[in-house]
Amino acid sequence: MSITTLFRTTPPARLRAAARAGAVVATAAVPLLAASTAFADYHPYDGEDSGPGLTVLQTLGLYVGIPLALFLLISFLVVLPGWIRGDRNRREVGWIGQNGAGAPADGSAKAAGSAGPSSAQQSVSAGKSAGTGGASGSW
């Protein structure tokens, strides 16, 4: 695909957005490029020895071990409140969802604590035919 075909087939709004993005990048890059030569000429440490390099173990510890330890520490601090608070789901109460999902197999509503059908079951089945779904959807 040629560049002219690309310009003809691209919507004008997208071309304007690309031009704006290019202008922002150029505006940010020009001062950095201009300053790089000035910084390259500035040598306050001419002749200074940089010292011995790092060993493999030190390099792995610095670039792998420390970030991994920070990741594990932050993950632990995120999970810790949930462990302290415990499970918030009260399984002993039970739950009867839409259309009686989660209800006991015999059709009673004992899990909800009443002798008759629950209000959730009554509201779902009130005035609806067998072919309707939740939120009055039918299919």
N, C-alpha and C. Protein backbone atom coordinates (compact mmCIF):
# COMPACT_ATOMS: atom_id res chain seq x y z
N MET A 1 0.85 -1.17 0.00
CA MET A 1 0.00 0.00 0.00
C MET A 1 0.90 1.24 0.00
N SER A 2 0.62 2.13 -0.90
CA SER A 2 1.45 3.35 -0.99
C SER A 2 0.99 4.36 0.04
N ILE A 3 1.82 5.34 0.28
CA ILE A 3 1.51 6.37 1.28
C ILE A 3 0.33 7.23 0.82
N THR A 4 0.21 7.46 -0.48
CA THR A 4 -0.92 8.27 -0.97
C THR A 4 -2.23 7.54 -0.78
N THR A 5 -2.24 6.23 -0.99
CA THR A 5 -3.45 5.44 -0.75
C THR A 5 -3.81 5.46 0.72
N LEU A 6 -2.80 5.42 1.57
CA LEU A 6 -3.05 5.46 3.01
C LEU A 6 -3.70 6.78 3.41
N PHE A 7 -3.21 7.90 2.85
CA PHE A 7 -3.79 9.20 3.18
C PHE A 7 -5.20 9.35 2.62
N ARG A 8 -5.45 8.80 1.42
CA ARG A 8 -6.78 8.93 0.83
C ARG A 8 -7.82 8.09 1.56
N THR A 9 -7.42 6.92 2.10
CA THR A 9 -8.40 6.02 2.73
C THR A 9 -8.56 6.25 4.23
N THR A 10 -7.68 7.03 4.85
CA THR A 10 -7.78 7.29 6.29
C THR A 10 -8.74 8.44 6.54
N PRO A 11 -9.65 8.30 7.49
CA PRO A 11 -10.59 9.38 7.80
C PRO A 11 -9.84 10.64 8.26
N PRO A 12 -10.37 11.82 7.91
CA PRO A 12 -9.69 13.08 8.27
C PRO A 12 -9.49 13.26 9.77
N ALA A 13 -10.43 12.82 10.57
CA ALA A 13 -10.28 12.97 12.02
C ALA A 13 -9.08 12.18 12.52
N ARG A 14 -8.85 11.02 11.96
CA ARG A 14 -7.72 10.20 12.37
C ARG A 14 -6.40 10.83 11.91
N LEU A 15 -6.41 11.44 10.72
CA LEU A 15 -5.20 12.13 10.24
C LEU A 15 -4.86 13.32 11.13
N ARG A 16 -5.90 14.07 11.55
CA ARG A 16 -5.66 15.21 12.45
C ARG A 16 -5.11 14.74 13.79
N ALA A 17 -5.64 13.64 14.31
CA ALA A 17 -5.15 13.10 15.58
C ALA A 17 -3.70 12.65 15.45
N ALA A 18 -3.35 12.04 14.33
CA ALA A 18 -1.97 11.61 14.11
C ALA A 18 -1.04 12.81 14.00
N ALA A 19 -1.50 13.87 13.35
CA ALA A 19 -0.69 15.08 13.22
C ALA A 19 -0.47 15.73 14.59
N ARG A 20 -1.52 15.75 15.41
CA ARG A 20 -1.37 16.30 16.77
C ARG A 20 -0.39 15.47 17.58
N ALA A 21 -0.49 14.15 17.50
CA ALA A 21 0.42 13.28 18.24
C ALA A 21 1.87 13.49 17.78
N GLY A 22 2.07 13.63 16.46
CA GLY A 22 3.40 13.89 15.95
C GLY A 22 3.95 15.22 16.42
N ALA A 23 3.09 16.23 16.49
CA ALA A 23 3.52 17.54 16.97
C ALA A 23 3.93 17.48 18.44
N VAL A 24 3.19 16.74 19.24
CA VAL A 24 3.53 16.61 20.66
C VAL A 24 4.87 15.90 20.84
N VAL A 25 5.07 14.83 20.09
CA VAL A 25 6.33 14.09 20.18
C VAL A 25 7.49 14.96 19.72
N ALA A 26 7.32 15.69 18.63
CA ALA A 26 8.39 16.56 18.13
C ALA A 26 8.69 17.66 19.13
N THR A 27 7.65 18.22 19.74
CA THR A 27 7.85 19.29 20.72
C THR A 27 8.63 18.78 21.93
N ALA A 28 8.38 17.55 22.33
CA ALA A 28 9.10 16.99 23.47
C ALA A 28 10.52 16.55 23.09
N ALA A 29 10.71 16.12 21.85
CA ALA A 29 12.00 15.56 21.45
C ALA A 29 13.03 16.63 21.10
N VAL A 30 12.61 17.75 20.54
CA VAL A 30 13.57 18.76 20.09
C VAL A 30 14.42 19.30 21.23
N PRO A 31 13.86 19.70 22.38
CA PRO A 31 14.74 20.17 23.46
C PRO A 31 15.69 19.09 23.97
N LEU A 32 15.24 17.85 23.99
CA LEU A 32 16.12 16.77 24.44
C LEU A 32 17.28 16.56 23.48
N LEU A 33 17.00 16.61 22.18
CA LEU A 33 18.06 16.45 21.20
C LEU A 33 19.03 17.63 21.23
N ALA A 34 18.51 18.83 21.44
CA ALA A 34 19.37 20.01 21.50
C ALA A 34 20.25 19.96 22.74
N ALA A 35 19.73 19.47 23.83
CA ALA A 35 20.50 19.44 25.08
C ALA A 35 21.49 18.28 25.11
N SER A 36 21.27 17.25 24.30
CA SER A 36 22.15 16.08 24.37
C SER A 36 23.58 16.43 23.99
N THR A 37 23.78 17.30 23.02
CA THR A 37 25.16 17.66 22.66
C THR A 37 25.82 18.45 23.78
N ALA A 38 25.06 19.31 24.45
CA ALA A 38 25.63 20.07 25.56
C ALA A 38 26.02 19.14 26.71
N PHE A 39 25.19 18.14 26.97
CA PHE A 39 25.51 17.20 28.04
C PHE A 39 26.67 16.30 27.66
N ALA A 40 26.81 15.98 26.37
CA ALA A 40 27.90 15.12 25.92
C ALA A 40 29.24 15.82 26.08
N ASP A 41 29.27 17.14 25.95
CA ASP A 41 30.52 17.88 26.08
C ASP A 41 30.93 18.10 27.52
N TYR A 42 30.03 17.89 28.45
CA TYR A 42 30.30 18.17 29.86
C TYR A 42 30.90 16.93 30.51
N HIS A 43 32.21 16.96 30.81
CA HIS A 43 32.89 15.81 31.39
C HIS A 43 33.54 16.21 32.71
N PRO A 44 32.80 16.21 33.81
CA PRO A 44 33.44 16.60 35.06
C PRO A 44 34.31 15.48 35.65
N TYR A 45 34.16 14.26 35.15
CA TYR A 45 34.87 13.14 35.77
C TYR A 45 35.91 12.54 34.85
N ASP A 46 36.61 13.35 34.10
CA ASP A 46 37.62 12.83 33.18
C ASP A 46 38.71 12.09 33.96
N GLY A 47 38.96 10.86 33.54
CA GLY A 47 40.02 10.08 34.13
C GLY A 47 39.64 9.33 35.39
N GLU A 48 38.41 9.45 35.85
CA GLU A 48 38.02 8.73 37.07
C GLU A 48 37.75 7.27 36.75
N ASP A 49 38.23 6.39 37.61
CA ASP A 49 38.01 4.96 37.42
C ASP A 49 36.64 4.60 37.97
N SER A 50 35.88 3.84 37.20
CA SER A 50 34.53 3.47 37.63
C SER A 50 34.52 2.36 38.67
N GLY A 51 35.59 1.69 38.87
CA GLY A 51 35.66 0.64 39.88
C GLY A 51 35.32 -0.71 39.30
N PRO A 52 35.37 -1.75 40.16
CA PRO A 52 35.10 -3.10 39.67
C PRO A 52 33.61 -3.27 39.34
N GLY A 53 33.33 -4.14 38.41
CA GLY A 53 31.96 -4.41 38.01
C GLY A 53 31.26 -5.34 38.99
N LEU A 54 29.99 -5.56 38.75
CA LEU A 54 29.20 -6.46 39.61
C LEU A 54 29.40 -7.90 39.18
N THR A 55 29.32 -8.81 40.15
CA THR A 55 29.36 -10.23 39.82
C THR A 55 27.98 -10.64 39.30
N VAL A 56 27.89 -11.86 38.77
CA VAL A 56 26.62 -12.36 38.26
C VAL A 56 25.59 -12.44 39.38
N LEU A 57 26.01 -12.89 40.54
CA LEU A 57 25.09 -13.01 41.67
C LEU A 57 24.59 -11.64 42.12
N GLN A 58 25.48 -10.67 42.15
CA GLN A 58 25.06 -9.32 42.53
C GLN A 58 24.10 -8.73 41.49
N THR A 59 24.37 -8.97 40.23
CA THR A 59 23.50 -8.46 39.16
C THR A 59 22.11 -9.09 39.24
N LEU A 60 22.07 -10.41 39.43
CA LEU A 60 20.78 -11.09 39.55
C LEU A 60 20.02 -10.61 40.79
N GLY A 61 20.72 -10.42 41.87
CA GLY A 61 20.07 -9.93 43.08
C GLY A 61 19.51 -8.53 42.90
N LEU A 62 20.25 -7.68 42.20
CA LEU A 62 19.84 -6.29 42.02
C LEU A 62 18.69 -6.16 41.03
N TYR A 63 18.76 -6.87 39.90
CA TYR A 63 17.77 -6.68 38.84
C TYR A 63 16.66 -7.72 38.83
N VAL A 64 16.79 -8.81 39.57
CA VAL A 64 15.73 -9.82 39.63
C VAL A 64 15.23 -9.99 41.07
N GLY A 65 16.15 -10.14 41.99
CA GLY A 65 15.77 -10.43 43.38
C GLY A 65 15.01 -9.30 44.06
N ILE A 66 15.52 -8.09 43.97
CA ILE A 66 14.85 -6.97 44.63
C ILE A 66 13.47 -6.69 44.03
N PRO A 67 13.30 -6.64 42.69
CA PRO A 67 11.95 -6.44 42.15
C PRO A 67 10.99 -7.59 42.52
N LEU A 68 11.49 -8.82 42.51
CA LEU A 68 10.65 -9.95 42.89
C LEU A 68 10.24 -9.86 44.35
N ALA A 69 11.16 -9.48 45.22
CA ALA A 69 10.84 -9.32 46.64
C ALA A 69 9.82 -8.21 46.85
N LEU A 70 9.95 -7.09 46.11
CA LEU A 70 8.97 -6.01 46.22
C LEU A 70 7.60 -6.46 45.72
N PHE A 71 7.57 -7.22 44.63
CA PHE A 71 6.30 -7.74 44.11
C PHE A 71 5.62 -8.64 45.14
N LEU A 72 6.38 -9.54 45.73
CA LEU A 72 5.81 -10.45 46.73
C LEU A 72 5.35 -9.69 47.97
N LEU A 73 6.09 -8.68 48.40
CA LEU A 73 5.70 -7.88 49.56
C LEU A 73 4.40 -7.12 49.29
N ILE A 74 4.30 -6.48 48.12
CA ILE A 74 3.08 -5.74 47.79
C ILE A 74 1.91 -6.69 47.64
N SER A 75 2.11 -7.85 47.02
CA SER A 75 1.03 -8.84 46.89
C SER A 75 0.56 -9.31 48.27
N PHE A 76 1.50 -9.56 49.15
CA PHE A 76 1.16 -9.99 50.50
C PHE A 76 0.35 -8.91 51.22
N LEU A 77 0.76 -7.66 51.08
CA LEU A 77 0.05 -6.57 51.75
C LEU A 77 -1.36 -6.37 51.16
N VAL A 78 -1.55 -6.70 49.90
CA VAL A 78 -2.88 -6.60 49.29
C VAL A 78 -3.78 -7.72 49.78
N VAL A 79 -3.25 -8.94 49.91
CA VAL A 79 -4.06 -10.10 50.29
C VAL A 79 -4.30 -10.17 51.80
N LEU A 80 -3.41 -9.59 52.58
CA LEU A 80 -3.47 -9.70 54.04
C LEU A 80 -4.81 -9.25 54.65
N PRO A 81 -5.40 -8.12 54.27
CA PRO A 81 -6.68 -7.75 54.89
C PRO A 81 -7.79 -8.77 54.67
N GLY A 82 -7.82 -9.41 53.51
CA GLY A 82 -8.81 -10.46 53.26
C GLY A 82 -8.60 -11.67 54.14
N TRP A 83 -7.34 -12.00 54.38
CA TRP A 83 -7.04 -13.13 55.27
C TRP A 83 -7.44 -12.82 56.70
N ILE A 84 -7.20 -11.60 57.13
CA ILE A 84 -7.54 -11.21 58.51
C ILE A 84 -9.05 -11.16 58.70
N ARG A 85 -9.75 -10.55 57.74
CA ARG A 85 -11.20 -10.37 57.84
C ARG A 85 -11.93 -11.70 57.70
N GLY A 86 -11.39 -12.60 56.95
CA GLY A 86 -12.01 -13.91 56.77
C GLY A 86 -13.02 -13.90 55.64
N ASP A 87 -13.72 -15.01 55.51
CA ASP A 87 -14.70 -15.18 54.45
C ASP A 87 -15.95 -14.36 54.76
N ARG A 88 -16.37 -13.51 53.84
CA ARG A 88 -17.55 -12.67 54.06
C ARG A 88 -18.83 -13.37 53.58
N ASN A 89 -18.70 -14.48 52.92
CA ASN A 89 -19.86 -15.20 52.42
C ASN A 89 -20.44 -16.05 53.54
N ARG A 90 -21.69 -15.80 53.89
CA ARG A 90 -22.33 -16.56 54.98
C ARG A 90 -23.07 -17.74 54.37
N ARG A 91 -22.39 -18.86 54.26
CA ARG A 91 -22.96 -20.02 53.59
C ARG A 91 -24.12 -20.64 54.37
N GLU A 92 -24.15 -20.43 55.68
CA GLU A 92 -25.23 -21.05 56.46
C GLU A 92 -26.58 -20.40 56.21
N VAL A 93 -26.62 -19.18 55.68
CA VAL A 93 -27.87 -18.49 55.43
C VAL A 93 -28.51 -19.00 54.15
N GLY A 94 -27.72 -19.30 53.17
CA GLY A 94 -28.25 -19.77 51.89
C GLY A 94 -28.60 -18.60 51.00
N TRP A 95 -28.94 -18.93 49.76
CA TRP A 95 -29.28 -17.89 48.80
C TRP A 95 -30.22 -18.46 47.77
N ILE A 96 -31.28 -17.73 47.49
CA ILE A 96 -32.21 -18.14 46.45
C ILE A 96 -32.17 -17.06 45.38
N GLY A 97 -31.63 -17.41 44.24
CA GLY A 97 -31.48 -16.45 43.17
C GLY A 97 -32.71 -16.39 42.30
N GLN A 98 -32.58 -15.77 41.16
CA GLN A 98 -33.68 -15.61 40.22
C GLN A 98 -34.15 -16.98 39.75
N ASN A 99 -35.46 -17.14 39.63
CA ASN A 99 -36.10 -18.39 39.22
C ASN A 99 -35.80 -19.53 40.18
N GLY A 100 -35.49 -19.21 41.43
CA GLY A 100 -35.29 -20.23 42.44
C GLY A 100 -33.97 -20.94 42.37
N ALA A 101 -32.98 -20.40 41.65
CA ALA A 101 -31.67 -21.04 41.57
C ALA A 101 -31.06 -21.08 42.95
N GLY A 102 -30.60 -22.22 43.36
CA GLY A 102 -30.01 -22.38 44.68
C GLY A 102 -31.02 -22.82 45.72
N ALA A 103 -32.26 -23.00 45.34
CA ALA A 103 -33.30 -23.44 46.27
C ALA A 103 -33.12 -24.93 46.54
N PRO A 104 -33.65 -25.42 47.65
CA PRO A 104 -33.58 -26.86 47.93
C PRO A 104 -34.27 -27.67 46.83
N ALA A 105 -33.84 -28.91 46.67
CA ALA A 105 -34.32 -29.75 45.58
C ALA A 105 -35.80 -30.08 45.69
N ASP A 106 -36.35 -30.12 46.92
CA ASP A 106 -37.76 -30.48 47.06
C ASP A 106 -38.69 -29.31 46.76
N GLY A 107 -38.18 -28.15 46.41
CA GLY A 107 -39.00 -27.02 46.03
C GLY A 107 -39.40 -26.14 47.20
N SER A 108 -39.07 -26.54 48.43
CA SER A 108 -39.43 -25.69 49.56
C SER A 108 -38.44 -24.56 49.68
N ALA A 109 -38.82 -23.55 50.42
CA ALA A 109 -37.95 -22.38 50.60
C ALA A 109 -37.42 -22.33 52.02
N LYS A 110 -37.04 -23.48 52.58
CA LYS A 110 -36.55 -23.52 53.95
C LYS A 110 -35.25 -22.76 54.11
N ALA A 111 -34.45 -22.69 53.04
CA ALA A 111 -33.18 -21.97 53.14
C ALA A 111 -33.40 -20.48 53.37
N ALA A 112 -34.55 -19.98 52.91
CA ALA A 112 -34.84 -18.56 53.11
C ALA A 112 -35.50 -18.32 54.46
N GLY A 113 -35.92 -19.36 55.12
CA GLY A 113 -36.48 -19.21 56.45
C GLY A 113 -37.99 -19.03 56.48
N SER A 114 -38.72 -19.33 55.40
CA SER A 114 -40.18 -19.20 55.41
C SER A 114 -40.79 -20.50 54.93
N ALA A 115 -42.07 -20.68 55.24
CA ALA A 115 -42.75 -21.91 54.89
C ALA A 115 -43.20 -21.91 53.44
N GLY A 116 -43.56 -20.76 52.89
CA GLY A 116 -44.05 -20.67 51.51
C GLY A 116 -42.95 -20.27 50.56
N PRO A 117 -43.30 -20.08 49.29
CA PRO A 117 -42.30 -19.64 48.33
C PRO A 117 -41.79 -18.25 48.67
N SER A 118 -40.55 -18.00 48.37
CA SER A 118 -39.96 -16.72 48.73
C SER A 118 -40.52 -15.61 47.86
N SER A 119 -40.32 -14.38 48.33
CA SER A 119 -40.83 -13.24 47.58
C SER A 119 -40.10 -13.11 46.25
N ALA A 120 -38.82 -13.53 46.22
CA ALA A 120 -38.08 -13.48 44.95
C ALA A 120 -38.69 -14.44 43.94
N GLN A 121 -39.08 -15.64 44.40
CA GLN A 121 -39.71 -16.60 43.51
C GLN A 121 -41.07 -16.11 43.05
N GLN A 122 -41.85 -15.51 43.95
CA GLN A 122 -43.18 -15.02 43.59
C GLN A 122 -43.09 -13.89 42.58
N SER A 123 -42.13 -12.96 42.76
CA SER A 123 -42.03 -11.83 41.85
C SER A 123 -41.57 -12.27 40.47
N VAL A 124 -40.78 -13.32 40.41
CA VAL A 124 -40.31 -13.80 39.12
C VAL A 124 -41.44 -14.49 38.38
N SER A 125 -42.25 -15.26 39.09
CA SER A 125 -43.27 -16.05 38.41
C SER A 125 -44.61 -15.33 38.29
N ALA A 126 -44.76 -14.16 38.88
CA ALA A 126 -46.05 -13.49 38.87
C ALA A 126 -46.37 -12.94 37.48
N GLY A 127 -47.47 -13.43 36.87
CA GLY A 127 -47.97 -12.88 35.63
C GLY A 127 -47.10 -13.14 34.42
N LYS A 128 -46.27 -14.16 34.44
CA LYS A 128 -45.40 -14.43 33.30
C LYS A 128 -45.70 -15.81 32.76
N SER A 129 -45.56 -15.94 31.47
CA SER A 129 -45.76 -17.26 30.87
C SER A 129 -44.48 -18.06 30.98
N ALA A 130 -44.54 -19.31 30.58
CA ALA A 130 -43.39 -20.20 30.73
C ALA A 130 -42.24 -19.83 29.81
N GLY A 131 -42.47 -19.04 28.76
CA GLY A 131 -41.43 -18.71 27.80
C GLY A 131 -40.69 -17.42 28.09
N THR A 132 -40.89 -16.83 29.24
CA THR A 132 -40.20 -15.56 29.52
C THR A 132 -39.00 -15.81 30.39
N GLY A 133 -38.04 -14.91 30.30
CA GLY A 133 -36.84 -15.00 31.12
C GLY A 133 -36.76 -13.83 32.07
N GLY A 134 -35.60 -13.67 32.68
CA GLY A 134 -35.41 -12.59 33.61
C GLY A 134 -35.49 -11.23 32.92
N ALA A 135 -35.83 -10.20 33.67
CA ALA A 135 -35.97 -8.83 33.17
C ALA A 135 -36.98 -8.77 32.02
N SER A 136 -38.00 -9.58 32.11
CA SER A 136 -39.09 -9.65 31.13
C SER A 136 -38.60 -9.99 29.72
N GLY A 137 -37.48 -10.61 29.63
CA GLY A 137 -36.99 -11.03 28.32
C GLY A 137 -37.71 -12.30 27.89
N SER A 138 -37.96 -12.42 26.63
CA SER A 138 -38.62 -13.64 26.16
C SER A 138 -37.85 -14.17 24.95
N TRP A 139 -37.80 -15.48 24.87
CA TRP A 139 -37.12 -16.11 23.75
C TRP A 139 -37.70 -17.46 23.49
